Amino acid sequence: MGSDNADDIHLHLDNPEAARAKSRRDRLDWLQGTPGQLAEALETLLSPVDASVLVDEFAEWLFRSSEEALATSDEGWWEDGTAHLAPWGFDLETSRVPVQVWHGRQDKFVPFQHGQWLAAHIPNAEPHLSDDDGHLTLVIDRVSDVHRWLLGHF
């Protein structure tokens, strides 16, 4: 896991109030950035494979979609981050819906072991654990596979 995420988790565990304040500051910093600054802002989270795709139209799309998500608050960002550290409100092993778990070993946003753990603990999960993908390459290279699967199931 890249140091930015690891540091945020440590801060949350040590001082949740300070972590909440940092999340709000990070949102403001993000909104003042540009797509061209994205690679620098995410530097500790980018494996070489992810850094290689964070250019041109994809960088623009990722920045703009994040900008839209953060437009009114950091609440979704905050809740996503705290979900790493608290029970989810249900037992994964009781899940009966079709699930695919996609994770790349080159992901520095979320440890690969987390994808492995999810695949092992969700009944009948279809694991797609790749040695070659990162966090961002899954978005670029695998979304069409996910869409095909979803269309076949729902």
Protein backbone atom coordinates (compact mmCIF):
# COMPACT_ATOMS: atom_id res chain seq x y z
CA MET A 1 0.00 0.00 0.00
CA GLY A 2 1.29 3.43 -0.89
CA SER A 3 2.39 5.63 1.98
CA ASP A 4 -0.39 8.21 1.48
CA ASN A 5 -3.08 5.62 2.21
CA ALA A 6 -1.07 3.87 4.93
CA ASP A 7 -0.40 7.21 6.64
CA ASP A 8 -4.10 8.13 6.48
CA ILE A 9 -5.06 4.81 8.06
CA HIS A 10 -2.52 5.25 10.85
CA LEU A 11 -3.77 8.79 11.50
CA HIS A 12 -7.37 7.55 11.61
CA LEU A 13 -6.48 4.86 14.13
CA ASP A 14 -4.40 7.24 16.28
CA ASN A 15 -6.54 10.38 16.03
CA PRO A 16 -9.87 10.12 14.19
CA GLU A 17 -10.63 13.83 14.64
CA ALA A 18 -7.33 14.84 13.03
CA ALA A 19 -7.96 12.32 10.24
CA ARG A 20 -11.39 13.87 9.59
CA ALA A 21 -9.88 17.35 9.42
CA LYS A 22 -7.18 16.10 7.04
CA SER A 23 -9.81 14.57 4.77
CA ARG A 24 -11.53 17.95 4.52
CA ARG A 25 -8.22 19.69 3.73
CA ASP A 26 -7.32 17.01 1.17
CA ARG A 27 -10.65 17.63 -0.57
CA LEU A 28 -9.91 21.34 -0.86
CA ASP A 29 -6.40 20.61 -2.15
CA TRP A 30 -7.83 18.20 -4.74
CA LEU A 31 -10.35 20.74 -5.96
CA GLN A 32 -7.56 23.27 -6.48
CA GLY A 33 -5.55 20.82 -8.60
CA THR A 34 -5.57 20.01 -12.29
CA PRO A 35 -5.58 16.79 -14.31
CA GLY A 36 -1.92 17.43 -15.11
CA GLN A 37 -1.06 17.36 -11.41
CA LEU A 38 -2.84 14.07 -10.75
CA ALA A 39 0.22 11.82 -11.09
CA GLU A 40 2.13 13.99 -8.65
CA ALA A 41 -0.77 14.08 -6.18
CA LEU A 42 -1.08 10.27 -6.27
CA GLU A 43 2.64 9.54 -6.54
CA THR A 44 2.92 7.15 -3.56
CA LEU A 45 -0.14 5.23 -4.77
CA LEU A 46 0.95 4.68 -8.35
CA SER A 47 2.72 1.51 -9.33
CA PRO A 48 4.55 1.74 -12.65
CA VAL A 49 1.60 0.15 -14.50
CA ASP A 50 -0.85 2.63 -13.02
CA ALA A 51 1.44 5.61 -13.61
CA SER A 52 1.73 4.60 -17.26
CA VAL A 53 -2.05 4.91 -17.82
CA LEU A 54 -2.63 8.11 -15.83
CA VAL A 55 -2.25 10.33 -18.88
CA ASP A 56 -4.31 12.18 -21.47
CA GLU A 57 -8.04 11.37 -21.58
CA PHE A 58 -7.96 8.94 -18.68
CA ALA A 59 -6.24 11.46 -16.38
CA GLU A 60 -8.80 14.06 -17.42
CA TRP A 61 -11.71 11.67 -16.79
CA LEU A 62 -10.38 10.53 -13.41
CA PHE A 63 -9.77 14.08 -12.27
CA ARG A 64 -13.16 15.36 -13.44
CA SER A 65 -15.09 12.44 -11.96
CA SER A 66 -13.30 12.91 -8.64
CA GLU A 67 -13.92 16.64 -8.81
CA GLU A 68 -17.64 15.94 -9.28
CA ALA A 69 -17.67 13.43 -6.41
CA LEU A 70 -16.00 15.96 -4.10
CA ALA A 71 -17.99 18.99 -5.27
CA THR A 72 -20.14 19.36 -2.17
CA SER A 73 -18.20 17.51 0.54
CA ASP A 74 -15.68 14.83 1.37
CA GLU A 75 -18.31 12.60 2.99
CA GLY A 76 -18.18 9.77 0.42
CA TRP A 77 -14.39 9.87 0.40
CA TRP A 78 -14.35 9.79 4.20
CA GLU A 79 -16.83 6.92 4.45
CA ASP A 80 -14.95 4.90 1.86
CA GLY A 81 -11.74 5.36 3.83
CA THR A 82 -13.29 4.48 7.18
CA ALA A 83 -14.87 1.33 5.71
CA HIS A 84 -11.38 -0.19 5.78
CA LEU A 85 -11.36 0.08 9.55
CA ALA A 86 -14.80 -0.94 10.78
CA PRO A 87 -17.32 -3.75 10.35
CA TRP A 88 -19.44 -3.37 7.23
CA GLY A 89 -22.72 -4.19 8.95
CA PHE A 90 -23.14 -7.65 7.45
CA ASP A 91 -21.30 -10.95 7.36
CA LEU A 92 -19.62 -11.51 4.00
CA GLU A 93 -20.03 -15.25 4.39
CA THR A 94 -23.84 -14.89 4.29
CA SER A 95 -23.78 -13.26 0.86
CA ARG A 96 -25.87 -15.14 -1.69
CA VAL A 97 -25.70 -12.76 -4.63
CA PRO A 98 -23.32 -13.27 -7.55
CA VAL A 99 -20.00 -11.51 -6.88
CA GLN A 100 -16.83 -10.99 -8.82
CA VAL A 101 -13.66 -9.83 -7.08
CA TRP A 102 -11.25 -7.94 -9.33
CA HIS A 103 -7.85 -6.98 -7.98
CA GLY A 104 -4.39 -6.45 -9.38
CA ARG A 105 -1.17 -7.31 -7.60
CA GLN A 106 0.30 -4.00 -8.83
CA ASP A 107 -2.37 -2.03 -6.89
CA LYS A 108 -0.80 0.36 -4.37
CA PHE A 109 -4.15 1.91 -3.39
CA VAL A 110 -5.45 -1.29 -1.74
CA PRO A 111 -3.26 -4.24 -0.72
CA PHE A 112 -3.56 -7.26 -3.02
CA GLN A 113 -4.09 -9.42 0.06
CA HIS A 114 -7.40 -7.66 0.59
CA GLY A 115 -8.68 -8.88 -2.78
CA GLN A 116 -7.46 -12.37 -1.96
CA TRP A 117 -9.20 -12.23 1.41
CA LEU A 118 -12.49 -11.06 -0.12
CA ALA A 119 -12.37 -13.79 -2.76
CA ALA A 120 -11.80 -16.39 -0.03
CA HIS A 121 -14.58 -15.13 2.26
CA ILE A 122 -17.44 -14.37 -0.13
CA PRO A 123 -19.29 -17.59 -0.98
CA ASN A 124 -19.02 -18.53 -4.64
CA ALA A 125 -17.12 -15.35 -5.50
CA GLU A 126 -15.50 -15.38 -8.91
CA PRO A 127 -11.96 -14.15 -8.33
CA HIS A 128 -10.12 -12.22 -11.02
CA LEU A 129 -6.79 -11.68 -9.30
CA SER A 130 -4.21 -10.48 -11.77
CA ASP A 131 -0.45 -10.30 -11.37
CA ASP A 132 -0.20 -7.60 -14.02
CA ASP A 133 -2.97 -5.12 -13.16
CA GLY A 134 -2.88 -2.17 -10.81
CA HIS A 135 -5.74 -0.13 -9.39
CA LEU A 136 -6.23 2.06 -12.44
CA THR A 137 -5.52 -0.50 -15.15
CA LEU A 138 -8.53 -2.47 -13.96
CA VAL A 139 -10.70 0.54 -14.82
CA ILE A 140 -9.20 0.83 -18.27
CA ASP A 141 -8.72 -2.80 -19.21
CA ARG A 142 -11.39 -4.75 -17.35
CA VAL A 143 -14.54 -2.62 -17.18
CA SER A 144 -15.95 -4.10 -20.39
CA ASP A 145 -15.56 -7.58 -18.86
CA VAL A 146 -17.43 -6.44 -15.76
CA HIS A 147 -20.19 -4.89 -17.86
CA ARG A 148 -20.61 -8.10 -19.88
CA TRP A 149 -20.84 -10.09 -16.66
CA LEU A 150 -23.39 -7.70 -15.17
CA LEU A 151 -25.54 -7.82 -18.30
CA GLY A 152 -25.54 -11.61 -18.06
CA HIS A 153 -26.62 -11.61 -14.43
CA PHE A 154 -29.04 -8.75 -13.97
